[in-house]
Protein backbone atom coordinates (compact mmCIF):
# COMPACT_ATOMS: atom_id res chain seq x y z
CA MET A 1 -26.73 -155.82 62.46
CA LYS A 2 -25.50 -153.51 59.77
CA SER A 3 -27.71 -150.71 58.51
CA HIS A 4 -27.51 -149.98 54.82
CA ALA A 5 -27.93 -146.40 53.73
CA ILE A 6 -30.19 -145.95 50.76
CA SER A 7 -28.97 -143.31 48.33
CA LEU A 8 -31.85 -141.52 46.70
CA GLN A 9 -31.74 -141.13 42.94
CA LYS A 10 -30.53 -137.64 42.10
CA LYS A 11 -32.63 -135.82 39.56
CA GLU A 12 -32.88 -132.40 38.00
CA LEU A 13 -35.90 -130.62 36.62
CA TYR A 14 -36.31 -129.86 32.93
CA TYR A 15 -38.95 -127.60 31.45
CA VAL A 16 -40.43 -129.63 28.60
CA ARG A 17 -43.93 -128.37 27.80
CA ASN A 18 -45.16 -124.79 27.65
CA PHE A 19 -48.69 -123.74 28.56
CA SER A 20 -50.12 -123.79 25.02
CA ASN A 21 -48.86 -127.34 24.48
CA ARG A 22 -50.38 -128.55 27.75
CA PHE A 23 -53.63 -126.66 27.21
CA LEU A 24 -54.14 -128.12 23.72
CA HIS A 25 -53.38 -131.61 25.02
CA TRP A 26 -56.09 -131.42 27.68
CA LEU A 27 -58.51 -129.70 25.31
CA MET A 28 -58.16 -132.61 22.88
CA PHE A 29 -58.34 -135.12 25.73
CA PHE A 30 -61.65 -133.82 27.10
CA SER A 31 -63.04 -133.37 23.59
CA VAL A 32 -62.40 -137.06 22.90
CA LEU A 33 -63.99 -137.96 26.25
CA VAL A 34 -67.18 -136.26 25.03
CA LEU A 35 -66.96 -137.62 21.49
CA ILE A 36 -66.65 -141.28 22.48
CA PRO A 37 -69.92 -141.73 24.48
CA THR A 38 -71.94 -139.32 22.32
CA GLY A 39 -70.73 -141.03 19.14
CA TRP A 40 -71.61 -144.40 20.60
CA TYR A 41 -75.11 -143.15 21.39
CA ILE A 42 -75.59 -141.72 17.90
CA GLY A 43 -74.62 -145.11 16.47
CA ASP A 44 -76.88 -146.98 18.90
CA PRO A 45 -79.62 -144.59 20.09
CA THR A 46 -81.51 -147.32 21.98
CA ALA A 47 -78.52 -147.86 24.29
CA PHE A 48 -79.99 -145.47 26.89
CA TYR A 49 -83.52 -144.90 25.59
CA GLY A 50 -85.09 -148.24 24.81
CA GLN A 51 -88.68 -147.00 24.40
CA GLY A 52 -90.21 -144.59 21.94
CA GLU A 53 -88.50 -142.38 19.41
CA ALA A 54 -85.35 -140.44 20.24
CA TRP A 55 -86.82 -137.21 18.92
CA ASP A 56 -89.75 -137.47 21.34
CA SER A 57 -87.68 -136.06 24.20
CA TYR A 58 -85.04 -134.46 21.98
CA VAL A 59 -82.30 -136.65 23.48
CA MET A 60 -80.69 -137.24 20.09
CA GLY A 61 -80.68 -133.49 19.42
CA TYR A 62 -78.74 -132.75 22.61
CA ILE A 63 -76.37 -135.66 22.02
CA ARG A 64 -75.67 -134.56 18.46
CA LEU A 65 -75.08 -130.99 19.62
CA ALA A 66 -72.56 -132.12 22.26
CA HIS A 67 -70.88 -134.37 19.68
CA PHE A 68 -70.69 -131.53 17.16
CA LEU A 69 -69.30 -128.99 19.64
CA ALA A 70 -66.68 -131.47 20.86
CA ALA A 71 -65.76 -132.28 17.24
CA MET A 72 -65.32 -128.61 16.41
CA THR A 73 -63.19 -128.11 19.53
CA LEU A 74 -61.04 -131.10 18.56
CA ASP A 75 -60.83 -129.88 14.97
CA ILE A 76 -59.57 -126.43 15.96
CA SER A 77 -57.19 -127.88 18.58
CA ILE A 78 -55.58 -130.22 16.04
CA MET A 79 -55.13 -127.42 13.51
CA VAL A 80 -53.51 -125.18 16.12
CA ARG A 81 -51.32 -128.07 17.33
CA PHE A 82 -50.08 -128.81 13.81
CA TYR A 83 -49.42 -125.11 13.28
CA LEU A 84 -47.35 -124.94 16.46
CA ALA A 85 -45.44 -128.06 15.41
CA PHE A 86 -43.99 -125.99 12.55
CA PHE A 87 -44.11 -122.40 13.79
CA SER A 88 -43.98 -122.49 17.60
CA LEU A 89 -41.69 -119.91 19.20
CA TYR A 90 -40.93 -122.33 22.04
CA HIS A 91 -40.38 -125.72 20.41
CA ARG A 92 -41.06 -126.80 16.83
CA ASP A 93 -41.42 -130.56 17.18
CA TRP A 94 -42.61 -131.66 13.74
CA TYR A 95 -39.41 -133.64 13.16
CA GLU A 96 -39.95 -135.61 16.39
CA ILE A 97 -43.19 -137.22 15.20
CA LEU A 98 -42.28 -138.12 11.63
CA PRO A 99 -41.54 -141.84 10.94
CA THR A 100 -38.02 -141.17 9.69
CA PRO A 101 -35.50 -144.04 9.75
CA ARG A 102 -33.83 -142.48 12.77
CA ASN A 103 -37.11 -142.13 14.66
CA ILE A 104 -38.21 -145.66 13.75
CA ILE A 105 -34.95 -147.11 15.07
CA GLY A 106 -35.29 -144.99 18.20
CA ALA A 107 -38.90 -146.10 18.65
CA LEU A 108 -37.87 -149.77 18.45
CA LYS A 109 -35.20 -149.19 21.10
CA VAL A 110 -37.68 -147.45 23.39
CA ALA A 111 -40.21 -150.25 22.84
CA GLY A 112 -37.47 -152.73 23.76
CA SER A 113 -36.93 -150.87 27.02
CA TYR A 114 -40.58 -151.46 27.92
CA ILE A 115 -39.98 -155.20 27.60
CA THR A 116 -36.59 -155.35 29.35
CA PHE A 117 -37.34 -152.56 31.88
CA ARG A 118 -34.04 -150.92 30.99
CA LYS A 119 -34.27 -147.19 31.10
CA PRO A 120 -34.10 -145.59 27.63
CA PRO A 121 -32.04 -142.46 26.88
CA PHE A 122 -33.44 -139.17 28.16
CA TYR A 123 -35.58 -137.29 25.65
CA ARG A 124 -36.41 -133.79 26.78
CA HIS A 125 -39.66 -133.47 24.84
CA VAL A 126 -41.01 -136.62 23.18
CA ASP A 127 -39.27 -139.95 22.68
CA PRO A 128 -39.47 -141.53 19.19
CA PHE A 129 -42.02 -144.16 20.22
CA ASP A 130 -44.40 -141.58 21.69
CA GLY A 131 -43.78 -139.28 18.73
CA ILE A 132 -44.85 -141.85 16.16
CA LEU A 133 -47.81 -142.91 18.33
CA PHE A 134 -48.88 -139.25 18.62
CA LEU A 135 -48.71 -138.87 14.85
CA LEU A 136 -50.86 -141.97 14.27
CA LEU A 137 -53.43 -140.86 16.85
CA HIS A 138 -53.63 -137.35 15.40
CA LEU A 139 -54.00 -138.68 11.85
CA LEU A 140 -56.71 -141.03 13.08
CA MET A 141 -58.50 -138.09 14.70
CA VAL A 142 -58.27 -136.15 11.44
CA PHE A 143 -59.80 -139.15 9.63
CA GLN A 144 -62.56 -139.23 12.25
CA LEU A 145 -63.25 -135.54 11.67
CA VAL A 146 -63.44 -135.92 7.89
CA THR A 147 -65.73 -138.96 8.00
CA GLY A 148 -67.78 -137.42 10.83
CA PHE A 149 -68.46 -134.22 8.92
CA GLN A 150 -69.39 -136.26 5.86
CA LEU A 151 -71.98 -138.09 7.95
CA TYR A 152 -73.15 -134.84 9.54
CA VAL A 153 -73.64 -132.91 6.29
CA HIS A 154 -76.55 -135.09 5.14
CA ALA A 155 -78.73 -133.60 7.88
CA LEU A 156 -78.23 -130.07 6.52
CA SER A 157 -80.04 -128.25 3.75
CA PRO A 158 -78.08 -128.64 0.47
CA ASP A 159 -78.23 -124.90 -0.28
CA TYR A 160 -76.92 -123.92 3.15
CA TRP A 161 -73.46 -122.32 2.87
CA TRP A 162 -72.11 -124.38 5.75
CA ALA A 163 -73.27 -127.58 4.06
CA GLN A 164 -71.66 -126.53 0.79
CA MET A 165 -68.33 -125.96 2.54
CA ILE A 166 -68.49 -129.40 4.18
CA HIS A 167 -69.41 -131.04 0.85
CA LEU A 168 -66.44 -129.31 -0.74
CA GLY A 169 -64.07 -130.57 1.93
CA THR A 170 -65.35 -134.08 2.62
CA ASP A 171 -67.25 -135.48 -0.39
CA TRP A 172 -64.05 -137.07 -1.65
CA ILE A 173 -63.96 -139.48 1.31
CA GLU A 174 -67.30 -140.96 0.29
CA TRP A 175 -65.96 -141.57 -3.20
CA VAL A 176 -62.74 -143.11 -1.88
CA LEU A 177 -64.51 -145.45 0.53
CA GLY A 178 -67.23 -146.40 -1.92
CA GLY A 179 -70.38 -145.00 -0.36
CA ASN A 180 -71.89 -143.45 2.72
CA GLN A 181 -72.32 -146.80 4.49
CA MET A 182 -68.57 -147.45 4.31
CA VAL A 183 -67.96 -143.95 5.65
CA ARG A 184 -70.16 -144.78 8.63
CA LEU A 185 -68.52 -148.17 9.15
CA THR A 186 -64.95 -146.86 9.01
CA HIS A 187 -65.93 -143.99 11.32
CA HIS A 188 -67.13 -146.52 13.91
CA ILE A 189 -64.15 -148.86 13.47
CA SER A 190 -61.72 -145.96 13.80
CA LEU A 191 -63.37 -145.07 17.10
CA TRP A 192 -62.37 -148.41 18.64
CA ILE A 193 -58.86 -148.19 17.17
CA MET A 194 -58.50 -144.73 18.69
CA ILE A 195 -59.74 -145.97 22.07
CA ALA A 196 -57.14 -148.75 21.97
CA GLY A 197 -54.42 -146.23 21.06
CA ILE A 198 -55.43 -143.91 23.90
CA ILE A 199 -55.34 -146.82 26.38
CA VAL A 200 -51.85 -147.78 25.19
CA HIS A 201 -50.70 -144.15 25.41
CA ILE A 202 -52.01 -143.67 28.97
CA TYR A 203 -50.64 -147.03 30.11
CA ILE A 204 -47.18 -146.23 28.77
CA GLN A 205 -47.07 -142.80 30.42
CA VAL A 206 -48.22 -144.19 33.76
CA ALA A 207 -45.76 -147.09 33.53
CA LYS A 208 -42.85 -144.77 32.72
CA THR A 209 -43.80 -142.49 35.59
CA ILE A 210 -43.94 -145.37 38.09
CA ILE A 211 -40.94 -147.39 36.88
CA TRP A 212 -38.46 -144.63 36.03
CA ARG A 213 -39.92 -141.80 38.11
CA ASP A 214 -39.23 -139.18 35.50
CA GLY A 215 -42.49 -137.29 35.86
CA HIS A 216 -43.97 -138.07 32.45
CA ILE A 217 -47.50 -137.63 33.78
CA THR A 218 -46.73 -134.46 35.71
CA SER A 219 -45.03 -132.93 32.67
CA ILE A 220 -48.37 -132.61 30.91
CA VAL A 221 -49.77 -130.85 34.00
CA GLY A 222 -46.97 -128.64 35.26
CA GLY A 223 -44.63 -128.67 32.27
CA TYR A 224 -41.60 -130.20 34.03
CA LYS A 225 -40.09 -133.67 34.14
CA TYR A 226 -36.98 -135.13 35.73
CA ARG A 227 -33.63 -136.25 34.41
CA ASP A 228 -31.19 -138.43 36.32
CA THR A 229 -27.93 -136.78 37.30
CA LYS A 230 -24.67 -138.67 37.63
């Protein structure tokens, strides 16, 4: 009986994400993990407390505080991430996430590889499909922040300087959407769209890591991923 030697796939390490990139990614990730359940509770306060008023045990106050702190963390993280996309000393990746014709074509090819299981070309940082998905998710988070602050500002005193700043920056969204109720509705709908996008993003990264063994998941932890060598 013949024994067949199995040749292991040769790979080499590539440094793809610096510490600031990885740190901001996980900061946004955990901020969203806090925002999703707290936002759900704010929209449906009887989900966990079915009896009495929410203010009676100050549950809503704590939930709103956690939601606000997570929103501020996400807000600052997104601003820093967009700044680094244009001015990073390590890697300015703004051109990798724009829906240019080249990136759209590349994204379609990468999406085709998910269907055919054929390995796409090696992209050191972000492939076009992930780049466009990242852009859409970040824009959706920005929309969530704008609509969220517009909903939040109504609980503040009108003459408070912080409220005046929020009114200055977000009142336009209420006019565009046609009222505060539409702001609330689109804020809730965007939540479920964002959850779906996050699920797709995680599934793709896990699938790529398992199928092609390129270390896509580990790259966001340790900063390195693999490339096949001939």
